[in-house]
Amino acid sequence: RHMLVYLVIAHNTLARPAAVLDLRGAQYDDEHRRID
């Protein structure tokens, strides 16, 4: 599961690997559909 989630995030954000691994719920703003 963790590799599947990694792949989905990486393909849709173009983020560096470290940024994908650091990503947590607090960084997502669902109201504005933005992710920091």
PDB file of all heavy atoms in Angstrom:
ATOM      1  N   ARG A   1       0.820  -1.200   0.000  1.00  0.00           N
ATOM      2  CA  ARG A   1       0.000   0.000   0.000  1.00  0.00           C
ATOM      3  C   ARG A   1       0.861   1.259   0.000  1.00  0.00           C
ATOM      4  O   ARG A   1       0.574   2.219  -0.717  1.00  0.00           O
ATOM      5  CB  ARG A   1      -0.924   0.013   1.228  1.00  0.00           C
ATOM      6  CG  ARG A   1      -1.698   1.329   1.324  1.00  0.00           C
ATOM      7  CD  ARG A   1      -2.455   1.465   2.625  1.00  0.00           C
ATOM      8  NE  ARG A   1      -3.077   2.768   2.676  1.00  0.00           N
ATOM      9  CZ  ARG A   1      -2.520   3.840   3.225  1.00  0.00           C
ATOM     10  NH1 ARG A   1      -1.339   3.754   3.766  1.00  0.00           N
ATOM     11  NH2 ARG A   1      -3.153   4.998   3.219  1.00  0.00           N
ATOM     12  N   HIS A   2       1.931   1.285   0.797  1.00  0.00           N
ATOM     13  CA  HIS A   2       2.700   2.529   0.882  1.00  0.00           C
ATOM     14  C   HIS A   2       3.392   2.858  -0.437  1.00  0.00           C
ATOM     15  O   HIS A   2       3.545   4.029  -0.782  1.00  0.00           O
ATOM     16  CB  HIS A   2       3.697   2.478   2.050  1.00  0.00           C
ATOM     17  CG  HIS A   2       4.903   1.636   1.833  1.00  0.00           C
ATOM     18  ND1 HIS A   2       4.940   0.283   2.104  1.00  0.00           N
ATOM     19  CD2 HIS A   2       6.138   1.958   1.377  1.00  0.00           C
ATOM     20  CE1 HIS A   2       6.150  -0.179   1.837  1.00  0.00           C
ATOM     21  NE2 HIS A   2       6.891   0.806   1.389  1.00  0.00           N
ATOM     22  N   MET A   3       3.774   1.847  -1.224  1.00  0.00           N
ATOM     23  CA  MET A   3       4.361   2.129  -2.531  1.00  0.00           C
ATOM     24  C   MET A   3       3.298   2.621  -3.505  1.00  0.00           C
ATOM     25  O   MET A   3       3.556   3.494  -4.342  1.00  0.00           O
ATOM     26  CB  MET A   3       5.045   0.879  -3.085  1.00  0.00           C
ATOM     27  CG  MET A   3       6.443   0.659  -2.543  1.00  0.00           C
ATOM     28  SD  MET A   3       7.563   2.072  -2.793  1.00  0.00           S
ATOM     29  CE  MET A   3       7.595   2.173  -4.581  1.00  0.00           C
ATOM     30  N   LEU A   4       2.101   2.079  -3.415  1.00  0.00           N
ATOM     31  CA  LEU A   4       1.014   2.525  -4.283  1.00  0.00           C
ATOM     32  C   LEU A   4       0.684   3.990  -4.009  1.00  0.00           C
ATOM     33  O   LEU A   4       0.537   4.793  -4.937  1.00  0.00           O
ATOM     34  CB  LEU A   4      -0.213   1.651  -4.067  1.00  0.00           C
ATOM     35  CG  LEU A   4      -1.406   1.912  -4.989  1.00  0.00           C
ATOM     36  CD1 LEU A   4      -1.054   1.600  -6.426  1.00  0.00           C
ATOM     37  CD2 LEU A   4      -2.615   1.099  -4.542  1.00  0.00           C
ATOM     38  N   VAL A   5       0.583   4.357  -2.730  1.00  0.00           N
ATOM     39  CA  VAL A   5       0.297   5.746  -2.357  1.00  0.00           C
ATOM     40  C   VAL A   5       1.434   6.655  -2.814  1.00  0.00           C
ATOM     41  O   VAL A   5       1.206   7.749  -3.336  1.00  0.00           O
ATOM     42  CB  VAL A   5       0.086   5.866  -0.837  1.00  0.00           C
ATOM     43  CG1 VAL A   5      -0.120   7.322  -0.439  1.00  0.00           C
ATOM     44  CG2 VAL A   5      -1.119   5.043  -0.402  1.00  0.00           C
ATOM     45  N   TYR A   6       2.672   6.196  -2.633  1.00  0.00           N
ATOM     46  CA  TYR A   6       3.827   6.982  -3.068  1.00  0.00           C
ATOM     47  C   TYR A   6       3.736   7.293  -4.564  1.00  0.00           C
ATOM     48  O   TYR A   6       3.946   8.433  -4.992  1.00  0.00           O
ATOM     49  CB  TYR A   6       5.126   6.231  -2.773  1.00  0.00           C
ATOM     50  CG  TYR A   6       6.355   6.957  -3.275  1.00  0.00           C
ATOM     51  CD1 TYR A   6       7.044   7.837  -2.466  1.00  0.00           C
ATOM     52  CD2 TYR A   6       6.805   6.772  -4.588  1.00  0.00           C
ATOM     53  CE1 TYR A   6       8.155   8.531  -2.934  1.00  0.00           C
ATOM     54  CE2 TYR A   6       7.902   7.454  -5.064  1.00  0.00           C
ATOM     55  CZ  TYR A   6       8.581   8.328  -4.237  1.00  0.00           C
ATOM     56  OH  TYR A   6       9.664   9.019  -4.730  1.00  0.00           O
ATOM     57  N   LEU A   7       3.424   6.283  -5.351  1.00  0.00           N
ATOM     58  CA  LEU A   7       3.370   6.461  -6.800  1.00  0.00           C
ATOM     59  C   LEU A   7       2.274   7.440  -7.207  1.00  0.00           C
ATOM     60  O   LEU A   7       2.480   8.283  -8.087  1.00  0.00           O
ATOM     61  CB  LEU A   7       3.143   5.112  -7.484  1.00  0.00           C
ATOM     62  CG  LEU A   7       4.299   4.110  -7.401  1.00  0.00           C
ATOM     63  CD1 LEU A   7       3.863   2.759  -7.962  1.00  0.00           C
ATOM     64  CD2 LEU A   7       5.519   4.622  -8.142  1.00  0.00           C
ATOM     65  N   VAL A   8       1.123   7.348  -6.569  1.00  0.00           N
ATOM     66  CA  VAL A   8       0.019   8.259  -6.909  1.00  0.00           C
ATOM     67  C   VAL A   8       0.417   9.701  -6.608  1.00  0.00           C
ATOM     68  O   VAL A   8       0.214  10.603  -7.439  1.00  0.00           O
ATOM     69  CB  VAL A   8      -1.259   7.882  -6.132  1.00  0.00           C
ATOM     70  CG1 VAL A   8      -2.341   8.938  -6.350  1.00  0.00           C
ATOM     71  CG2 VAL A   8      -1.779   6.523  -6.580  1.00  0.00           C
ATOM     72  N   ILE A   9       1.002   9.939  -5.439  1.00  0.00           N
ATOM     73  CA  ILE A   9       1.396  11.305  -5.062  1.00  0.00           C
ATOM     74  C   ILE A   9       2.512  11.816  -5.971  1.00  0.00           C
ATOM     75  O   ILE A   9       2.473  12.948  -6.458  1.00  0.00           O
ATOM     76  CB  ILE A   9       1.839  11.352  -3.591  1.00  0.00           C
ATOM     77  CG1 ILE A   9       0.648  11.023  -2.680  1.00  0.00           C
ATOM     78  CG2 ILE A   9       2.400  12.721  -3.243  1.00  0.00           C
ATOM     79  CD1 ILE A   9       1.019  10.916  -1.221  1.00  0.00           C
ATOM     80  N   ALA A  10       3.521  10.988  -6.209  1.00  0.00           N
ATOM     81  CA  ALA A  10       4.669  11.411  -7.021  1.00  0.00           C
ATOM     82  C   ALA A  10       4.264  11.775  -8.436  1.00  0.00           C
ATOM     83  O   ALA A  10       4.738  12.772  -8.996  1.00  0.00           O
ATOM     84  CB  ALA A  10       5.718  10.307  -7.042  1.00  0.00           C
ATOM     85  N   HIS A  11       3.364  10.997  -9.041  1.00  0.00           N
ATOM     86  CA  HIS A  11       2.949  11.282 -10.417  1.00  0.00           C
ATOM     87  C   HIS A  11       2.102  12.538 -10.513  1.00  0.00           C
ATOM     88  O   HIS A  11       2.111  13.218 -11.550  1.00  0.00           O
ATOM     89  CB  HIS A  11       2.154  10.100 -10.984  1.00  0.00           C
ATOM     90  CG  HIS A  11       3.006   8.966 -11.448  1.00  0.00           C
ATOM     91  ND1 HIS A  11       3.475   7.985 -10.602  1.00  0.00           N
ATOM     92  CD2 HIS A  11       3.483   8.649 -12.681  1.00  0.00           C
ATOM     93  CE1 HIS A  11       4.202   7.115 -11.293  1.00  0.00           C
ATOM     94  NE2 HIS A  11       4.224   7.491 -12.553  1.00  0.00           N
ATOM     95  N   ASN A  12       1.372  12.862  -9.470  1.00  0.00           N
ATOM     96  CA  ASN A  12       0.449  13.997  -9.531  1.00  0.00           C
ATOM     97  C   ASN A  12       1.013  15.289  -8.963  1.00  0.00           C
ATOM     98  O   ASN A  12       0.356  16.330  -9.065  1.00  0.00           O
ATOM     99  CB  ASN A  12      -0.845  13.638  -8.811  1.00  0.00           C
ATOM    100  CG  ASN A  12      -1.723  12.703  -9.620  1.00  0.00           C
ATOM    101  OD1 ASN A  12      -2.566  13.135 -10.398  1.00  0.00           O
ATOM    102  ND2 ASN A  12      -1.519  11.403  -9.451  1.00  0.00           N
ATOM    103  N   THR A  13       2.195  15.224  -8.363  1.00  0.00           N
ATOM    104  CA  THR A  13       2.815  16.441  -7.823  1.00  0.00           C
ATOM    105  C   THR A  13       4.193  16.726  -8.404  1.00  0.00           C
ATOM    106  O   THR A  13       4.684  17.851  -8.269  1.00  0.00           O
ATOM    107  CB  THR A  13       2.964  16.342  -6.291  1.00  0.00           C
ATOM    108  OG1 THR A  13       3.852  15.255  -5.973  1.00  0.00           O
ATOM    109  CG2 THR A  13       1.612  16.132  -5.616  1.00  0.00           C
ATOM    110  N   LEU A  14       4.841  15.740  -9.018  1.00  0.00           N
ATOM    111  CA  LEU A  14       6.206  15.855  -9.527  1.00  0.00           C
ATOM    112  C   LEU A  14       7.188  16.164  -8.402  1.00  0.00           C
ATOM    113  O   LEU A  14       8.282  16.664  -8.628  1.00  0.00           O
ATOM    114  CB  LEU A  14       6.323  16.926 -10.620  1.00  0.00           C
ATOM    115  CG  LEU A  14       5.848  16.563 -12.032  1.00  0.00           C
ATOM    116  CD1 LEU A  14       4.336  16.470 -12.086  1.00  0.00           C
ATOM    117  CD2 LEU A  14       6.319  17.609 -13.039  1.00  0.00           C
ATOM    118  N   ALA A  15       6.809  15.880  -7.160  1.00  0.00           N
ATOM    119  CA  ALA A  15       7.631  16.222  -6.007  1.00  0.00           C
ATOM    120  C   ALA A  15       8.862  15.333  -5.921  1.00  0.00           C
ATOM    121  O   ALA A  15       8.869  14.195  -6.399  1.00  0.00           O
ATOM    122  CB  ALA A  15       6.811  16.101  -4.729  1.00  0.00           C
ATOM    123  N   ARG A  16       9.896  15.857  -5.291  1.00  0.00           N
ATOM    124  CA  ARG A  16      11.077  15.049  -5.015  1.00  0.00           C
ATOM    125  C   ARG A  16      10.717  13.951  -4.013  1.00  0.00           C
ATOM    126  O   ARG A  16       9.804  14.113  -3.204  1.00  0.00           O
ATOM    127  CB  ARG A  16      12.203  15.925  -4.460  1.00  0.00           C
ATOM    128  CG  ARG A  16      12.656  17.024  -5.429  1.00  0.00           C
ATOM    129  CD  ARG A  16      13.740  17.883  -4.794  1.00  0.00           C
ATOM    130  NE  ARG A  16      14.178  18.949  -5.705  1.00  0.00           N
ATOM    131  CZ  ARG A  16      13.640  20.165  -5.763  1.00  0.00           C
ATOM    132  NH1 ARG A  16      12.619  20.465  -4.957  1.00  0.00           N
ATOM    133  NH2 ARG A  16      14.085  21.073  -6.605  1.00  0.00           N
ATOM    134  N   PRO A  17      11.437  12.827  -4.040  1.00  0.00           N
ATOM    135  CA  PRO A  17      11.102  11.712  -3.139  1.00  0.00           C
ATOM    136  C   PRO A  17      10.979  12.114  -1.675  1.00  0.00           C
ATOM    137  O   PRO A  17      10.057  11.685  -0.982  1.00  0.00           O
ATOM    138  CB  PRO A  17      12.255  10.729  -3.365  1.00  0.00           C
ATOM    139  CG  PRO A  17      12.688  10.989  -4.779  1.00  0.00           C
ATOM    140  CD  PRO A  17      12.536  12.474  -4.974  1.00  0.00           C
ATOM    141  N   ALA A  18      11.889  12.941  -1.189  1.00  0.00           N
ATOM    142  CA  ALA A  18      11.852  13.339   0.224  1.00  0.00           C
ATOM    143  C   ALA A  18      10.573  14.099   0.548  1.00  0.00           C
ATOM    144  O   ALA A  18       9.999  13.938   1.634  1.00  0.00           O
ATOM    145  CB  ALA A  18      13.077  14.182   0.567  1.00  0.00           C
ATOM    146  N   ALA A  19      10.115  14.936  -0.387  1.00  0.00           N
ATOM    147  CA  ALA A  19       8.895  15.709  -0.157  1.00  0.00           C
ATOM    148  C   ALA A  19       7.678  14.797  -0.098  1.00  0.00           C
ATOM    149  O   ALA A  19       6.752  15.031   0.681  1.00  0.00           O
ATOM    150  CB  ALA A  19       8.727  16.753  -1.252  1.00  0.00           C
ATOM    151  N   VAL A  20       7.652  13.758  -0.924  1.00  0.00           N
ATOM    152  CA  VAL A  20       6.534  12.807  -0.905  1.00  0.00           C
ATOM    153  C   VAL A  20       6.502  12.055   0.424  1.00  0.00           C
ATOM    154  O   VAL A  20       5.441  11.881   1.031  1.00  0.00           O
ATOM    155  CB  VAL A  20       6.634  11.814  -2.079  1.00  0.00           C
ATOM    156  CG1 VAL A  20       5.495  10.802  -2.012  1.00  0.00           C
ATOM    157  CG2 VAL A  20       6.603  12.555  -3.410  1.00  0.00           C
ATOM    158  N   LEU A  21       7.657  11.632   0.901  1.00  0.00           N
ATOM    159  CA  LEU A  21       7.723  10.876   2.156  1.00  0.00           C
ATOM    160  C   LEU A  21       7.363  11.749   3.357  1.00  0.00           C
ATOM    161  O   LEU A  21       6.869  11.244   4.371  1.00  0.00           O
ATOM    162  CB  LEU A  21       9.110  10.275   2.338  1.00  0.00           C
ATOM    163  CG  LEU A  21       9.543   9.241   1.293  1.00  0.00           C
ATOM    164  CD1 LEU A  21      10.950   8.741   1.587  1.00  0.00           C
ATOM    165  CD2 LEU A  21       8.576   8.069   1.241  1.00  0.00           C
ATOM    166  N   ASP A  22       7.624  13.049   3.273  1.00  0.00           N
ATOM    167  CA  ASP A  22       7.324  13.966   4.379  1.00  0.00           C
ATOM    168  C   ASP A  22       5.850  14.364   4.436  1.00  0.00           C
ATOM    169  O   ASP A  22       5.397  14.889   5.449  1.00  0.00           O
ATOM    170  CB  ASP A  22       8.158  15.242   4.254  1.00  0.00           C
ATOM    171  CG  ASP A  22       9.595  15.044   4.693  1.00  0.00           C
ATOM    172  OD1 ASP A  22       9.872  14.031   5.357  1.00  0.00           O
ATOM    173  OD2 ASP A  22      10.442  15.899   4.367  1.00  0.00           O
ATOM    174  N   LEU A  23       5.112  14.138   3.373  1.00  0.00           N
ATOM    175  CA  LEU A  23       3.760  14.666   3.244  1.00  0.00           C
ATOM    176  C   LEU A  23       2.819  14.083   4.299  1.00  0.00           C
ATOM    177  O   LEU A  23       2.777  12.877   4.509  1.00  0.00           O
ATOM    178  CB  LEU A  23       3.222  14.361   1.842  1.00  0.00           C
ATOM    179  CG  LEU A  23       2.035  15.184   1.367  1.00  0.00           C
ATOM    180  CD1 LEU A  23       2.390  16.664   1.305  1.00  0.00           C
ATOM    181  CD2 LEU A  23       1.573  14.693   0.001  1.00  0.00           C
ATOM    182  N   ARG A  24       2.033  14.968   4.929  1.00  0.00           N
ATOM    183  CA  ARG A  24       1.084  14.544   5.957  1.00  0.00           C
ATOM    184  C   ARG A  24      -0.231  15.301   5.798  1.00  0.00           C
ATOM    185  O   ARG A  24      -0.321  16.266   5.022  1.00  0.00           O
ATOM    186  CB  ARG A  24       1.682  14.763   7.342  1.00  0.00           C
ATOM    187  CG  ARG A  24       2.002  16.197   7.645  1.00  0.00           C
ATOM    188  CD  ARG A  24       3.023  16.313   8.760  1.00  0.00           C
ATOM    189  NE  ARG A  24       4.364  16.009   8.280  1.00  0.00           N
ATOM    190  CZ  ARG A  24       5.430  15.910   9.053  1.00  0.00           C
ATOM    191  NH1 ARG A  24       5.307  16.054  10.345  1.00  0.00           N
ATOM    192  NH2 ARG A  24       6.613  15.637   8.544  1.00  0.00           N
ATOM    193  N   GLY A  25      -1.232  14.865   6.532  1.00  0.00           N
ATOM    194  CA  GLY A  25      -2.575  15.404   6.369  1.00  0.00           C
ATOM    195  C   GLY A  25      -2.685  16.895   6.546  1.00  0.00           C
ATOM    196  O   GLY A  25      -3.483  17.557   5.872  1.00  0.00           O
ATOM    197  N   ALA A  26      -1.907  17.487   7.446  1.00  0.00           N
ATOM    198  CA  ALA A  26      -1.994  18.918   7.722  1.00  0.00           C
ATOM    199  C   ALA A  26      -1.591  19.774   6.531  1.00  0.00           C
ATOM    200  O   ALA A  26      -1.923  20.960   6.473  1.00  0.00           O
ATOM    201  CB  ALA A  26      -1.109  19.258   8.927  1.00  0.00           C
ATOM    202  N   GLN A  27      -0.905  19.205   5.572  1.00  0.00           N
ATOM    203  CA  GLN A  27      -0.425  19.975   4.425  1.00  0.00           C
ATOM    204  C   GLN A  27      -1.461  20.078   3.308  1.00  0.00           C
ATOM    205  O   GLN A  27      -1.234  20.775   2.321  1.00  0.00           O
ATOM    206  CB  GLN A  27       0.867  19.344   3.876  1.00  0.00           C
ATOM    207  CG  GLN A  27       2.031  19.430   4.856  1.00  0.00           C
ATOM    208  CD  GLN A  27       3.229  18.621   4.406  1.00  0.00           C
ATOM    209  OE1 GLN A  27       3.612  17.638   5.030  1.00  0.00           O
ATOM    210  NE2 GLN A  27       3.836  19.016   3.303  1.00  0.00           N
ATOM    211  N   TYR A  28      -2.579  19.389   3.459  1.00  0.00           N
ATOM    212  CA  TYR A  28      -3.607  19.409   2.409  1.00  0.00           C
ATOM    213  C   TYR A  28      -4.758  20.310   2.822  1.00  0.00           C
ATOM    214  O   TYR A  28      -5.334  20.163   3.903  1.00  0.00           O
ATOM    215  CB  TYR A  28      -4.113  17.995   2.140  1.00  0.00           C
ATOM    216  CG  TYR A  28      -5.278  17.953   1.174  1.00  0.00           C
ATOM    217  CD1 TYR A  28      -5.197  18.572  -0.068  1.00  0.00           C
ATOM    218  CD2 TYR A  28      -6.465  17.308   1.509  1.00  0.00           C
ATOM    219  CE1 TYR A  28      -6.268  18.558  -0.944  1.00  0.00           C
ATOM    220  CE2 TYR A  28      -7.532  17.265   0.625  1.00  0.00           C
ATOM    221  CZ  TYR A  28      -7.426  17.902  -0.595  1.00  0.00           C
ATOM    222  OH  TYR A  28      -8.487  17.882  -1.457  1.00  0.00           O
ATOM    223  N   ASP A  29      -5.110  21.248   1.949  1.00  0.00           N
ATOM    224  CA  ASP A  29      -6.239  22.159   2.139  1.00  0.00           C
ATOM    225  C   ASP A  29      -7.344  21.730   1.183  1.00  0.00           C
ATOM    226  O   ASP A  29      -7.321  22.077  -0.002  1.00  0.00           O
ATOM    227  CB  ASP A  29      -5.786  23.595   1.848  1.00  0.00           C
ATOM    228  CG  ASP A  29      -6.907  24.621   2.035  1.00  0.00           C
ATOM    229  OD1 ASP A  29      -8.067  24.208   2.268  1.00  0.00           O
ATOM    230  OD2 ASP A  29      -6.624  25.823   1.938  1.00  0.00           O
ATOM    231  N   ASP A  30      -8.306  20.959   1.696  1.00  0.00           N
ATOM    232  CA  ASP A  30      -9.352  20.418   0.830  1.00  0.00           C
ATOM    233  C   ASP A  30     -10.293  21.492   0.323  1.00  0.00           C
ATOM    234  O   ASP A  30     -10.818  21.412  -0.790  1.00  0.00           O
ATOM    235  CB  ASP A  30     -10.144  19.347   1.586  1.00  0.00           C
ATOM    236  CG  ASP A  30     -11.087  18.566   0.678  1.00  0.00           C
ATOM    237  OD1 ASP A  30     -10.628  18.105  -0.390  1.00  0.00           O
ATOM    238  OD2 ASP A  30     -12.279  18.435   1.017  1.00  0.00           O
ATOM    239  N   GLU A  31     -10.514  22.543   1.130  1.00  0.00           N
ATOM    240  CA  GLU A  31     -11.433  23.611   0.719  1.00  0.00           C
ATOM    241  C   GLU A  31     -10.960  24.303  -0.547  1.00  0.00           C
ATOM    242  O   GLU A  31     -11.737  24.577  -1.463  1.00  0.00           O
ATOM    243  CB  GLU A  31     -11.582  24.628   1.852  1.00  0.00           C
ATOM    244  CG  GLU A  31     -12.514  25.785   1.506  1.00  0.00           C
ATOM    245  CD  GLU A  31     -12.625  26.815   2.613  1.00  0.00           C
ATOM    246  OE1 GLU A  31     -12.049  26.582   3.710  1.00  0.00           O
ATOM    247  OE2 GLU A  31     -13.274  27.853   2.393  1.00  0.00           O
ATOM    248  N   HIS A  32      -9.679  24.598  -0.606  1.00  0.00           N
ATOM    249  CA  HIS A  32      -9.121  25.283  -1.779  1.00  0.00           C
ATOM    250  C   HIS A  32      -8.463  24.313  -2.759  1.00  0.00           C
ATOM    251  O   HIS A  32      -7.964  24.736  -3.804  1.00  0.00           O
ATOM    252  CB  HIS A  32      -8.095  26.322  -1.337  1.00  0.00           C
ATOM    253  CG  HIS A  32      -8.665  27.403  -0.481  1.00  0.00           C
ATOM    254  ND1 HIS A  32      -8.601  27.368   0.896  1.00  0.00           N
ATOM    255  CD2 HIS A  32      -9.325  28.544  -0.803  1.00  0.00           C
ATOM    256  CE1 HIS A  32      -9.189  28.445   1.385  1.00  0.00           C
ATOM    257  NE2 HIS A  32      -9.643  29.176   0.384  1.00  0.00           N
ATOM    258  N   ARG A  33      -8.401  23.037  -2.411  1.00  0.00           N
ATOM    259  CA  ARG A  33      -7.765  22.008  -3.246  1.00  0.00           C
ATOM    260  C   ARG A  33      -6.314  22.369  -3.543  1.00  0.00           C
ATOM    261  O   ARG A  33      -5.862  22.371  -4.693  1.00  0.00           O
ATOM    262  CB  ARG A  33      -8.553  21.798  -4.542  1.00  0.00           C
ATOM    263  CG  ARG A  33      -9.984  21.342  -4.294  1.00  0.00           C
ATOM    264  CD  ARG A  33     -10.651  20.861  -5.555  1.00  0.00           C
ATOM    265  NE  ARG A  33     -12.043  20.510  -5.292  1.00  0.00           N
ATOM    266  CZ  ARG A  33     -12.851  19.916  -6.169  1.00  0.00           C
ATOM    267  NH1 ARG A  33     -12.391  19.610  -7.377  1.00  0.00           N
ATOM    268  NH2 ARG A  33     -14.089  19.627  -5.867  1.00  0.00           N
ATOM    269  N   ARG A  34      -5.614  22.700  -2.486  1.00  0.00           N
ATOM    270  CA  ARG A  34      -4.198  23.023  -2.584  1.00  0.00           C
ATOM    271  C   ARG A  34      -3.419  22.148  -1.611  1.00  0.00           C
ATOM    272  O   ARG A  34      -3.910  21.792  -0.540  1.00  0.00           O
ATOM    273  CB  ARG A  34      -3.947  24.501  -2.243  1.00  0.00           C
ATOM    274  CG  ARG A  34      -4.612  25.487  -3.199  1.00  0.00           C
ATOM    275  CD  ARG A  34      -3.978  25.451  -4.579  1.00  0.00           C
ATOM    276  NE  ARG A  34      -4.536  26.458  -5.467  1.00  0.00           N
ATOM    277  CZ  ARG A  34      -5.546  26.233  -6.310  1.00  0.00           C
ATOM    278  NH1 ARG A  34      -6.092  25.016  -6.367  1.00  0.00           N
ATOM    279  NH2 ARG A  34      -5.984  27.191  -7.092  1.00  0.00           N
ATOM    280  N   ILE A  35      -2.191  21.828  -1.978  1.00  0.00           N
ATOM    281  CA  ILE A  35      -1.319  21.054  -1.100  1.00  0.00           C
ATOM    282  C   ILE A  35       0.018  21.772  -0.976  1.00  0.00           C
ATOM    283  O   ILE A  35       0.638  22.164  -1.975  1.00  0.00           O
ATOM    284  CB  ILE A  35      -1.131  19.609  -1.626  1.00  0.00           C
ATOM    285  CG1 ILE A  35      -0.322  18.795  -0.634  1.00  0.00           C
ATOM    286  CG2 ILE A  35      -0.499  19.591  -3.010  1.00  0.00           C
ATOM    287  CD1 ILE A  35      -0.358  17.308  -0.910  1.00  0.00           C
ATOM    288  N   ASP A  36       0.444  21.976   0.255  1.00  0.00           N
ATOM    289  CA  ASP A  36       1.715  22.637   0.541  1.00  0.00           C
ATOM    290  C   ASP A  36       2.758  21.539   0.764  1.00  0.00           C
ATOM    291  O   ASP A  36       2.725  20.829   1.767  1.00  0.00           O
ATOM    292  CB  ASP A  36       1.572  23.507   1.789  1.00  0.00           C
ATOM    293  CG  ASP A  36       2.812  24.350   2.042  1.00  0.00           C
ATOM    294  OD1 ASP A  36       3.837  24.123   1.367  1.00  0.00           O
ATOM    295  OD2 ASP A  36       2.749  25.233   2.919  1.00  0.00           O
TER     296      ASP A  36
END
